[in-house]
Amino acid sequence: MFELSDTHCHLNLKTAFQEDFEQVLSRAWEAGLDRILIPGIDLETSRLAVQMAESDERIFAAVGIHPNEAQIWDSSTQQEITTLANHPRVVAIGEIGLDFYRDHASRDLQIEILKKQLEISKNLQLPVVLHNRDAMQTLWSILAEWHDNLSSSGNPLQSHPGVCHAYSDDLFMAKKLMEKSFFFGIGGPVTFKNASDRQNLLSGLPLSAILLETDSPYLAPHPHRGRRNEPAFVALVAQKVAELQLVPVSQVAEVTSNNANRLFDWRNHS
C-alpha cells in the first residue's frame, strides 16, 4: 500500500471527534496515511494540536489564529503562539489568512494579525497554512510583499513559504503563487459532481505543486458528502486527483507526500 499525507485535518475540534478519536486514527493508518497535520484556529486548538502531535510520531501540528478568531488577538496571544511555534512537533504557522466572506472580525484587524503571524513564520522559518475566502487580491498583495522580503533577506523559507489551503481561485492566480513557490491544498470538493471549476483548475496544476488534505470534519468527499469528514477519506481525494491528472494513484500518493515533506520537513521534526 502506498503512503498518503493529510496536510489539513482538524482533529483538535473536540465536538467532532471526541467519541471515536482512536477509531478515526485507526482507520487513517489502515487507509495508508503516514502523516497528518493538525492546524490550530485559536489558542485552545493550537495547544491541543501540539498535545496530539506529542502523542503519535505520525501527527504534526501547526499553530495560529484563524481570521475568524482575530478578535482574541493581543500581545499575550502573540507571545503564546510564538512559544508554541518553537515546539519541535510544530511544522507550520496556521491556519492563518483572511476571510472577507464571514467578516467575523474587521478586515483591518484580520490584516494586522496576518502580518504579525507572517513575521513569526519568517523569524522561525516555518511555512504558513493559509485560509482565504473572498480576499485573494488583498491576500496576494500581502504575500507577495512578504515573499519578496524573504528573498531579499536570503531567508530559506523563500523556497517553501506555505500552502494555500482549500485553494479555489483561478489558474492565473495559481501561477502567480507558484512563482513564489506556494503549494495548493486539494480536498473533498474536487470530488463533487458539480465541481467542474475546481476539476478544470486541478487539471491545469502541476502535481509538483499539490498537497492532499481533508479539512476534516468538514467537506467530506463523494460519496460521503454531507457527513463528517475524516483523514482516511484523503484516499478518495487522491483517486480523483489521479483521474484528473491522468496518472496512477500511486504516483499521486508519492509525489504529494514528497511535496508535503518538502514543505513541512516532517523528518527533521520527528
C-alpha atoms as a PDB file:
ATOM      1  CA  MET A   1       0.000   0.000   0.000  1.00  0.00           C
ATOM      2  CA  PHE A   2       1.267   3.487  -0.852  1.00  0.00           C
ATOM      3  CA  GLU A   3       1.674   6.211   1.780  1.00  0.00           C
ATOM      4  CA  LEU A   4      -0.548   9.292   1.959  1.00  0.00           C
ATOM      5  CA  SER A   5      -0.427  12.559   3.888  1.00  0.00           C
ATOM      6  CA  ASP A   6      -3.419  14.552   5.140  1.00  0.00           C
ATOM      7  CA  THR A   7      -1.993  18.059   5.349  1.00  0.00           C
ATOM      8  CA  HIS A   8      -5.039  19.745   6.893  1.00  0.00           C
ATOM      9  CA  CYS A   9      -7.231  17.992   9.421  1.00  0.00           C
ATOM     10  CA  HIS A  10      -8.981  19.488  12.459  1.00  0.00           C
ATOM     11  CA  LEU A  11      -8.865  16.502  14.786  1.00  0.00           C
ATOM     12  CA  ASN A  12      -8.498  19.092  17.552  1.00  0.00           C
ATOM     13  CA  LEU A  13     -12.183  20.041  17.289  1.00  0.00           C
ATOM     14  CA  LYS A  14     -13.335  18.014  20.265  1.00  0.00           C
ATOM     15  CA  THR A  15     -17.051  18.093  19.496  1.00  0.00           C
ATOM     16  CA  ALA A  16     -16.474  16.374  16.148  1.00  0.00           C
ATOM     17  CA  PHE A  17     -14.130  13.567  17.220  1.00  0.00           C
ATOM     18  CA  GLN A  18     -14.374  13.131  20.977  1.00  0.00           C
ATOM     19  CA  GLU A  19     -16.474   9.952  20.856  1.00  0.00           C
ATOM     20  CA  ASP A  20     -14.365   7.899  18.415  1.00  0.00           C
ATOM     21  CA  PHE A  21     -10.986   9.619  18.154  1.00  0.00           C
ATOM     22  CA  GLU A  22      -8.930   6.419  18.381  1.00  0.00           C
ATOM     23  CA  GLN A  23     -11.086   4.664  15.785  1.00  0.00           C
ATOM     24  CA  VAL A  24     -10.706   7.624  13.420  1.00  0.00           C
ATOM     25  CA  LEU A  25      -6.923   7.366  13.729  1.00  0.00           C
ATOM     26  CA  SER A  26      -7.002   3.601  13.232  1.00  0.00           C
ATOM     27  CA  ARG A  27      -8.978   3.999  10.008  1.00  0.00           C
ATOM     28  CA  ALA A  28      -6.487   6.626   8.832  1.00  0.00           C
ATOM     29  CA  TRP A  29      -3.477   4.358   9.332  1.00  0.00           C
ATOM     30  CA  GLU A  30      -5.341   1.453   7.701  1.00  0.00           C
ATOM     31  CA  ALA A  31      -6.085   3.670   4.670  1.00  0.00           C
ATOM     32  CA  GLY A  32      -2.369   4.236   4.150  1.00  0.00           C
ATOM     33  CA  LEU A  33      -1.759   7.563   5.846  1.00  0.00           C
ATOM     34  CA  ASP A  34       1.642   8.069   7.406  1.00  0.00           C
ATOM     35  CA  ARG A  35       1.443  11.807   8.194  1.00  0.00           C
ATOM     36  CA  ILE A  36      -1.351  14.047   9.500  1.00  0.00           C
ATOM     37  CA  LEU A  37      -1.062  17.798  10.069  1.00  0.00           C
ATOM     38  CA  ILE A  38      -3.428  19.340  12.609  1.00  0.00           C
ATOM     39  CA  PRO A  39      -3.691  23.153  12.377  1.00  0.00           C
ATOM     40  CA  GLY A  40      -4.872  25.410  15.169  1.00  0.00           C
ATOM     41  CA  ILE A  41      -7.508  28.091  14.714  1.00  0.00           C
ATOM     42  CA  ASP A  42      -7.204  29.719  18.153  1.00  0.00           C
ATOM     43  CA  LEU A  43      -5.142  29.257  21.306  1.00  0.00           C
ATOM     44  CA  GLU A  44      -7.050  26.244  22.646  1.00  0.00           C
ATOM     45  CA  THR A  45      -6.930  24.299  19.377  1.00  0.00           C
ATOM     46  CA  SER A  46      -3.280  25.245  18.845  1.00  0.00           C
ATOM     47  CA  ARG A  47      -2.418  23.836  22.278  1.00  0.00           C
ATOM     48  CA  LEU A  48      -4.430  20.690  21.509  1.00  0.00           C
ATOM     49  CA  ALA A  49      -2.704  20.266  18.154  1.00  0.00           C
ATOM     50  CA  VAL A  50       0.661  20.246  19.917  1.00  0.00           C
ATOM     51  CA  GLN A  51      -0.575  17.750  22.520  1.00  0.00           C
ATOM     52  CA  MET A  52      -1.870  15.439  19.788  1.00  0.00           C
ATOM     53  CA  ALA A  53       1.424  15.707  17.913  1.00  0.00           C
ATOM     54  CA  GLU A  54       3.260  14.698  21.086  1.00  0.00           C
ATOM     55  CA  SER A  55       1.107  11.567  21.344  1.00  0.00           C
ATOM     56  CA  ASP A  56       1.962   9.989  17.971  1.00  0.00           C
ATOM     57  CA  GLU A  57       5.035  10.356  15.753  1.00  0.00           C
ATOM     58  CA  ARG A  58       2.809  10.390  12.649  1.00  0.00           C
ATOM     59  CA  ILE A  59       0.925  13.513  13.790  1.00  0.00           C
ATOM     60  CA  PHE A  60       2.293  17.042  13.455  1.00  0.00           C
ATOM     61  CA  ALA A  61       0.958  20.444  14.487  1.00  0.00           C
ATOM     62  CA  ALA A  62       0.526  23.930  13.083  1.00  0.00           C
ATOM     63  CA  VAL A  63      -0.318  26.796  15.430  1.00  0.00           C
ATOM     64  CA  GLY A  64      -2.022  30.083  14.680  1.00  0.00           C
ATOM     65  CA  ILE A  65      -5.066  32.315  14.919  1.00  0.00           C
ATOM     66  CA  HIS A  66      -7.670  31.965  12.166  1.00  0.00           C
ATOM     67  CA  PRO A  67      -9.009  35.245  10.727  1.00  0.00           C
ATOM     68  CA  ASN A  68     -12.480  34.469  12.109  1.00  0.00           C
ATOM     69  CA  GLU A  69     -10.908  34.412  15.599  1.00  0.00           C
ATOM     70  CA  ALA A  70      -8.914  37.616  15.106  1.00  0.00           C
ATOM     71  CA  GLN A  71     -10.721  39.447  17.898  1.00  0.00           C
ATOM     72  CA  ILE A  72      -8.894  37.355  20.528  1.00  0.00           C
ATOM     73  CA  TRP A  73      -5.511  38.725  19.418  1.00  0.00           C
ATOM     74  CA  ASP A  74      -3.414  40.710  21.870  1.00  0.00           C
ATOM     75  CA  SER A  75       0.216  40.777  22.977  1.00  0.00           C
ATOM     76  CA  SER A  76      -0.209  37.684  25.150  1.00  0.00           C
ATOM     77  CA  THR A  77      -1.777  35.778  22.239  1.00  0.00           C
ATOM     78  CA  GLN A  78       1.176  36.664  20.068  1.00  0.00           C
ATOM     79  CA  GLN A  79       3.585  35.533  22.749  1.00  0.00           C
ATOM     80  CA  GLU A  80       1.847  32.181  23.270  1.00  0.00           C
ATOM     81  CA  ILE A  81       1.673  31.431  19.538  1.00  0.00           C
ATOM     82  CA  THR A  82       5.384  32.197  19.300  1.00  0.00           C
ATOM     83  CA  THR A  83       6.128  29.939  22.271  1.00  0.00           C
ATOM     84  CA  LEU A  84       4.020  27.094  20.865  1.00  0.00           C
ATOM     85  CA  ALA A  85       5.623  27.523  17.442  1.00  0.00           C
ATOM     86  CA  ASN A  86       9.015  26.750  18.971  1.00  0.00           C
ATOM     87  CA  HIS A  87       7.830  23.268  19.962  1.00  0.00           C
ATOM     88  CA  PRO A  88       9.714  20.570  17.979  1.00  0.00           C
ATOM     89  CA  ARG A  89       6.476  18.973  16.742  1.00  0.00           C
ATOM     90  CA  VAL A  90       5.213  22.234  15.202  1.00  0.00           C
ATOM     91  CA  VAL A  91       5.941  22.380  11.463  1.00  0.00           C
ATOM     92  CA  ALA A  92       3.933  25.434  10.361  1.00  0.00           C
ATOM     93  CA  ILE A  93       2.092  28.605  11.352  1.00  0.00           C
ATOM     94  CA  GLY A  94      -1.599  28.209  10.641  1.00  0.00           C
ATOM     95  CA  GLU A  95      -4.399  28.246   9.981  1.00  0.00           C
ATOM     96  CA  ILE A  96      -3.977  31.958   9.255  1.00  0.00           C
ATOM     97  CA  GLY A  97      -5.191  34.240   6.496  1.00  0.00           C
ATOM     98  CA  LEU A  98      -8.160  36.412   5.528  1.00  0.00           C
ATOM     99  CA  ASP A  99     -11.913  35.801   5.442  1.00  0.00           C
ATOM    100  CA  PHE A 100     -13.879  38.642   3.848  1.00  0.00           C
ATOM    101  CA  TYR A 101     -16.949  36.423   3.394  1.00  0.00           C
ATOM    102  CA  ARG A 102     -17.901  35.918   7.032  1.00  0.00           C
ATOM    103  CA  ASP A 103     -16.335  39.124   8.383  1.00  0.00           C
ATOM    104  CA  HIS A 104     -16.374  37.807  11.966  1.00  0.00           C
ATOM    105  CA  ALA A 105     -13.580  40.298  12.609  1.00  0.00           C
ATOM    106  CA  SER A 106     -12.882  43.606  10.911  1.00  0.00           C
ATOM    107  CA  ARG A 107     -10.799  43.427   7.770  1.00  0.00           C
ATOM    108  CA  ASP A 108      -8.201  45.777   9.210  1.00  0.00           C
ATOM    109  CA  LEU A 109      -7.777  43.526  12.258  1.00  0.00           C
ATOM    110  CA  GLN A 110      -7.539  40.410  10.095  1.00  0.00           C
ATOM    111  CA  ILE A 111      -4.801  42.030   8.022  1.00  0.00           C
ATOM    112  CA  GLU A 112      -2.952  43.170  11.151  1.00  0.00           C
ATOM    113  CA  ILE A 113      -2.815  39.734  12.775  1.00  0.00           C
ATOM    114  CA  LEU A 114      -1.990  38.032   9.480  1.00  0.00           C
ATOM    115  CA  LYS A 115       1.055  40.262   9.091  1.00  0.00           C
ATOM    116  CA  LYS A 116       2.136  39.610  12.678  1.00  0.00           C
ATOM    117  CA  GLN A 117       1.877  35.857  12.189  1.00  0.00           C
ATOM    118  CA  LEU A 118       3.760  36.070   8.901  1.00  0.00           C
ATOM    119  CA  GLU A 119       6.501  37.778  10.891  1.00  0.00           C
ATOM    120  CA  ILE A 120       6.557  34.848  13.341  1.00  0.00           C
ATOM    121  CA  SER A 121       6.779  32.493  10.364  1.00  0.00           C
ATOM    122  CA  LYS A 122       9.691  34.440   8.906  1.00  0.00           C
ATOM    123  CA  ASN A 123      11.585  34.603  12.188  1.00  0.00           C
ATOM    124  CA  LEU A 124      11.186  30.885  12.922  1.00  0.00           C
ATOM    125  CA  GLN A 125      11.479  29.800   9.282  1.00  0.00           C
ATOM    126  CA  LEU A 126       8.208  27.879   9.483  1.00  0.00           C
ATOM    127  CA  PRO A 127       5.887  27.776   6.436  1.00  0.00           C
ATOM    128  CA  VAL A 128       2.319  29.077   6.628  1.00  0.00           C
ATOM    129  CA  VAL A 129      -1.034  27.341   6.178  1.00  0.00           C
ATOM    130  CA  LEU A 130      -3.262  29.939   4.539  1.00  0.00           C
ATOM    131  CA  HIS A 131      -7.017  30.425   4.695  1.00  0.00           C
ATOM    132  CA  ASN A 132      -8.667  32.611   2.071  1.00  0.00           C
ATOM    133  CA  ARG A 133     -12.273  33.403   1.433  1.00  0.00           C
ATOM    134  CA  ASP A 134     -13.251  36.233  -0.893  1.00  0.00           C
ATOM    135  CA  ALA A 135      -9.973  38.011  -0.135  1.00  0.00           C
ATOM    136  CA  MET A 136      -7.484  36.780  -2.729  1.00  0.00           C
ATOM    137  CA  GLN A 137      -6.402  40.147  -4.112  1.00  0.00           C
ATOM    138  CA  THR A 138      -5.638  41.552  -0.660  1.00  0.00           C
ATOM    139  CA  LEU A 139      -4.016  38.303   0.448  1.00  0.00           C
ATOM    140  CA  TRP A 140      -1.878  38.171  -2.691  1.00  0.00           C
ATOM    141  CA  SER A 141      -0.519  41.686  -2.187  1.00  0.00           C
ATOM    142  CA  ILE A 142       0.442  40.845   1.412  1.00  0.00           C
ATOM    143  CA  LEU A 143       2.023  37.511   0.465  1.00  0.00           C
ATOM    144  CA  ALA A 144       3.931  38.942  -2.488  1.00  0.00           C
ATOM    145  CA  GLU A 145       5.486  41.654  -0.313  1.00  0.00           C
ATOM    146  CA  TRP A 146       6.279  39.127   2.432  1.00  0.00           C
ATOM    147  CA  HIS A 147       7.876  36.699  -0.005  1.00  0.00           C
ATOM    148  CA  ASP A 148       9.925  39.471  -1.623  1.00  0.00           C
ATOM    149  CA  ASN A 149      11.228  40.287   1.854  1.00  0.00           C
ATOM    150  CA  LEU A 150      12.134  36.624   2.411  1.00  0.00           C
ATOM    151  CA  SER A 151      14.016  36.599  -0.861  1.00  0.00           C
ATOM    152  CA  SER A 152      15.867  39.868  -0.309  1.00  0.00           C
ATOM    153  CA  SER A 153      16.966  38.773   3.170  1.00  0.00           C
ATOM    154  CA  GLY A 154      18.081  35.318   1.985  1.00  0.00           C
ATOM    155  CA  ASN A 155      15.588  33.540   4.254  1.00  0.00           C
ATOM    156  CA  PRO A 156      15.498  29.806   3.356  1.00  0.00           C
ATOM    157  CA  LEU A 157      11.698  29.914   3.704  1.00  0.00           C
ATOM    158  CA  GLN A 158      11.527  31.600   0.293  1.00  0.00           C
ATOM    159  CA  SER A 159      11.755  28.167  -1.383  1.00  0.00           C
ATOM    160  CA  HIS A 160       8.806  26.685   0.585  1.00  0.00           C
ATOM    161  CA  PRO A 161       6.757  29.557   2.074  1.00  0.00           C
ATOM    162  CA  GLY A 162       3.462  27.761   2.560  1.00  0.00           C
ATOM    163  CA  VAL A 163       0.267  26.223   1.246  1.00  0.00           C
ATOM    164  CA  CYS A 164      -2.979  27.814   0.098  1.00  0.00           C
ATOM    165  CA  HIS A 165      -5.435  25.599   1.958  1.00  0.00           C
ATOM    166  CA  ALA A 166      -8.572  24.559   0.035  1.00  0.00           C
ATOM    167  CA  TYR A 167      -7.448  26.531  -2.997  1.00  0.00           C
ATOM    168  CA  SER A 168     -10.398  27.565  -5.186  1.00  0.00           C
ATOM    169  CA  ASP A 169      -9.230  30.624  -7.125  1.00  0.00           C
ATOM    170  CA  ASP A 170      -8.328  30.570 -10.807  1.00  0.00           C
ATOM    171  CA  LEU A 171      -5.300  29.197 -12.618  1.00  0.00           C
ATOM    172  CA  PHE A 172      -3.969  32.696 -13.383  1.00  0.00           C
ATOM    173  CA  MET A 173      -3.638  33.438  -9.656  1.00  0.00           C
ATOM    174  CA  ALA A 174      -2.279  29.962  -9.031  1.00  0.00           C
ATOM    175  CA  LYS A 175       0.538  30.608 -11.495  1.00  0.00           C
ATOM    176  CA  LYS A 176       1.430  33.850  -9.703  1.00  0.00           C
ATOM    177  CA  LEU A 177       1.514  31.978  -6.391  1.00  0.00           C
ATOM    178  CA  MET A 178       3.614  29.183  -7.912  1.00  0.00           C
ATOM    179  CA  GLU A 179       6.171  31.797  -8.972  1.00  0.00           C
ATOM    180  CA  LYS A 180       6.529  32.460  -5.229  1.00  0.00           C
ATOM    181  CA  SER A 181       6.836  28.687  -4.542  1.00  0.00           C
ATOM    182  CA  PHE A 182       3.472  28.230  -2.802  1.00  0.00           C
ATOM    183  CA  PHE A 183       1.672  24.871  -2.744  1.00  0.00           C
ATOM    184  CA  PHE A 184      -2.067  24.253  -3.128  1.00  0.00           C
ATOM    185  CA  GLY A 185      -4.190  22.142  -0.786  1.00  0.00           C
ATOM    186  CA  ILE A 186      -6.727  19.972  -2.630  1.00  0.00           C
ATOM    187  CA  GLY A 187      -9.538  18.316  -0.701  1.00  0.00           C
ATOM    188  CA  GLY A 188     -13.003  16.800  -0.886  1.00  0.00           C
ATOM    189  CA  PRO A 189     -14.773  19.437  -3.030  1.00  0.00           C
ATOM    190  CA  VAL A 190     -12.797  18.369  -6.111  1.00  0.00           C
ATOM    191  CA  THR A 191     -14.731  15.067  -5.993  1.00  0.00           C
ATOM    192  CA  PHE A 192     -18.170  16.727  -6.082  1.00  0.00           C
ATOM    193  CA  LYS A 193     -20.205  16.121  -9.225  1.00  0.00           C
ATOM    194  CA  ASN A 194     -20.902  19.851  -9.664  1.00  0.00           C
ATOM    195  CA  ALA A 195     -17.267  20.916  -9.139  1.00  0.00           C
ATOM    196  CA  SER A 196     -16.254  21.447 -12.769  1.00  0.00           C
ATOM    197  CA  ASP A 197     -14.390  24.690 -11.977  1.00  0.00           C
ATOM    198  CA  ARG A 198     -12.223  23.005  -9.338  1.00  0.00           C
ATOM    199  CA  GLN A 199     -11.682  19.994 -11.561  1.00  0.00           C
ATOM    200  CA  ASN A 200     -10.610  22.164 -14.506  1.00  0.00           C
ATOM    201  CA  LEU A 201      -8.250  24.056 -12.197  1.00  0.00           C
ATOM    202  CA  LEU A 202      -6.708  20.832 -10.931  1.00  0.00           C
ATOM    203  CA  SER A 203      -6.160  19.607 -14.464  1.00  0.00           C
ATOM    204  CA  GLY A 204      -4.003  22.695 -15.034  1.00  0.00           C
ATOM    205  CA  LEU A 205      -1.922  22.478 -11.863  1.00  0.00           C
ATOM    206  CA  PRO A 206       1.346  20.518 -11.868  1.00  0.00           C
ATOM    207  CA  LEU A 207       1.328  17.586  -9.469  1.00  0.00           C
ATOM    208  CA  SER A 208       4.547  19.007  -8.007  1.00  0.00           C
ATOM    209  CA  ALA A 209       2.520  21.903  -6.537  1.00  0.00           C
ATOM    210  CA  ILE A 210      -0.291  19.868  -4.941  1.00  0.00           C
ATOM    211  CA  LEU A 211      -0.871  18.717  -1.373  1.00  0.00           C
ATOM    212  CA  LEU A 212      -3.725  16.414  -0.338  1.00  0.00           C
ATOM    213  CA  GLU A 213      -5.967  17.384   2.562  1.00  0.00           C
ATOM    214  CA  THR A 214      -9.363  16.609   4.039  1.00  0.00           C
ATOM    215  CA  ASP A 215     -10.182  19.665   6.202  1.00  0.00           C
ATOM    216  CA  SER A 216     -11.904  17.153   8.495  1.00  0.00           C
ATOM    217  CA  PRO A 217     -14.543  17.264   9.886  1.00  0.00           C
ATOM    218  CA  TYR A 218     -15.676  19.499   7.004  1.00  0.00           C
ATOM    219  CA  LEU A 219     -16.105  18.955   3.243  1.00  0.00           C
ATOM    220  CA  ALA A 220     -16.235  15.171   3.071  1.00  0.00           C
ATOM    221  CA  PRO A 221     -15.561  13.851  -0.449  1.00  0.00           C
ATOM    222  CA  HIS A 222     -18.062  11.972  -2.572  1.00  0.00           C
ATOM    223  CA  PRO A 223     -19.690   9.551  -1.704  1.00  0.00           C
ATOM    224  CA  HIS A 224     -19.600  10.817   1.903  1.00  0.00           C
ATOM    225  CA  ARG A 225     -20.635  14.401   1.085  1.00  0.00           C
ATOM    226  CA  GLY A 226     -22.761  15.950   3.821  1.00  0.00           C
ATOM    227  CA  ARG A 227     -21.386  13.671   6.537  1.00  0.00           C
ATOM    228  CA  ARG A 228     -18.437  14.080   8.886  1.00  0.00           C
ATOM    229  CA  ASN A 229     -15.115  14.011   7.097  1.00  0.00           C
ATOM    230  CA  GLU A 230     -12.096  12.142   8.465  1.00  0.00           C
ATOM    231  CA  PRO A 231      -8.444  11.622   7.445  1.00  0.00           C
ATOM    232  CA  ALA A 232      -8.994   8.171   5.899  1.00  0.00           C
ATOM    233  CA  PHE A 233     -11.055   9.846   3.178  1.00  0.00           C
ATOM    234  CA  VAL A 234      -7.944  11.546   1.780  1.00  0.00           C
ATOM    235  CA  ALA A 235      -7.559   8.353  -0.260  1.00  0.00           C
ATOM    236  CA  LEU A 236     -10.711   9.338  -2.191  1.00  0.00           C
ATOM    237  CA  VAL A 237      -9.184  12.735  -2.925  1.00  0.00           C
ATOM    238  CA  ALA A 238      -6.023  11.032  -4.182  1.00  0.00           C
ATOM    239  CA  GLN A 239      -8.088   8.876  -6.528  1.00  0.00           C
ATOM    240  CA  LYS A 240      -9.847  11.917  -8.009  1.00  0.00           C
ATOM    241  CA  VAL A 241      -6.562  13.800  -8.418  1.00  0.00           C
ATOM    242  CA  ALA A 242      -5.128  10.777 -10.246  1.00  0.00           C
ATOM    243  CA  GLU A 243      -8.142  10.691 -12.563  1.00  0.00           C
ATOM    244  CA  LEU A 244      -7.854  14.404 -13.395  1.00  0.00           C
ATOM    245  CA  GLN A 245      -4.068  14.373 -13.736  1.00  0.00           C
ATOM    246  CA  LEU A 246      -4.147  11.188 -15.865  1.00  0.00           C
ATOM    247  CA  VAL A 247      -1.581   9.408 -13.693  1.00  0.00           C
ATOM    248  CA  PRO A 248      -1.682   6.341 -11.400  1.00  0.00           C
ATOM    249  CA  VAL A 249      -2.921   6.958  -7.868  1.00  0.00           C
ATOM    250  CA  SER A 250       0.368   5.551  -6.580  1.00  0.00           C
ATOM    251  CA  GLN A 251       2.157   8.417  -8.323  1.00  0.00           C
ATOM    252  CA  VAL A 252      -0.208  10.953  -6.770  1.00  0.00           C
ATOM    253  CA  ALA A 253       0.483   9.499  -3.334  1.00  0.00           C
ATOM    254  CA  GLU A 254       4.249   9.503  -3.822  1.00  0.00           C
ATOM    255  CA  VAL A 255       4.537  12.993  -5.301  1.00  0.00           C
ATOM    256  CA  THR A 256       2.120  14.724  -2.932  1.00  0.00           C
ATOM    257  CA  SER A 257       3.723  13.059   0.095  1.00  0.00           C
ATOM    258  CA  ASN A 258       7.136  14.221  -1.120  1.00  0.00           C
ATOM    259  CA  ASN A 259       5.673  17.711  -1.620  1.00  0.00           C
ATOM    260  CA  ALA A 260       4.405  17.700   1.945  1.00  0.00           C
ATOM    261  CA  ASN A 261       7.799  16.692   3.280  1.00  0.00           C
ATOM    262  CA  ARG A 262       9.464  19.383   1.177  1.00  0.00           C
ATOM    263  CA  LEU A 263       7.122  21.974   2.673  1.00  0.00           C
ATOM    264  CA  PHE A 264       6.875  20.812   6.290  1.00  0.00           C
ATOM    265  CA  ASP A 265      10.184  18.959   6.644  1.00  0.00           C
ATOM    266  CA  TRP A 266       8.489  16.211   8.676  1.00  0.00           C
ATOM    267  CA  ARG A 267      11.665  14.202   9.088  1.00  0.00           C
ATOM    268  CA  ASN A 268      13.505  16.939  10.945  1.00  0.00           C
ATOM    269  CA  HIS A 269      10.566  17.407  13.332  1.00  0.00           C
ATOM    270  CA  SER A 270      10.267  13.753  14.351  1.00  0.00           C
END
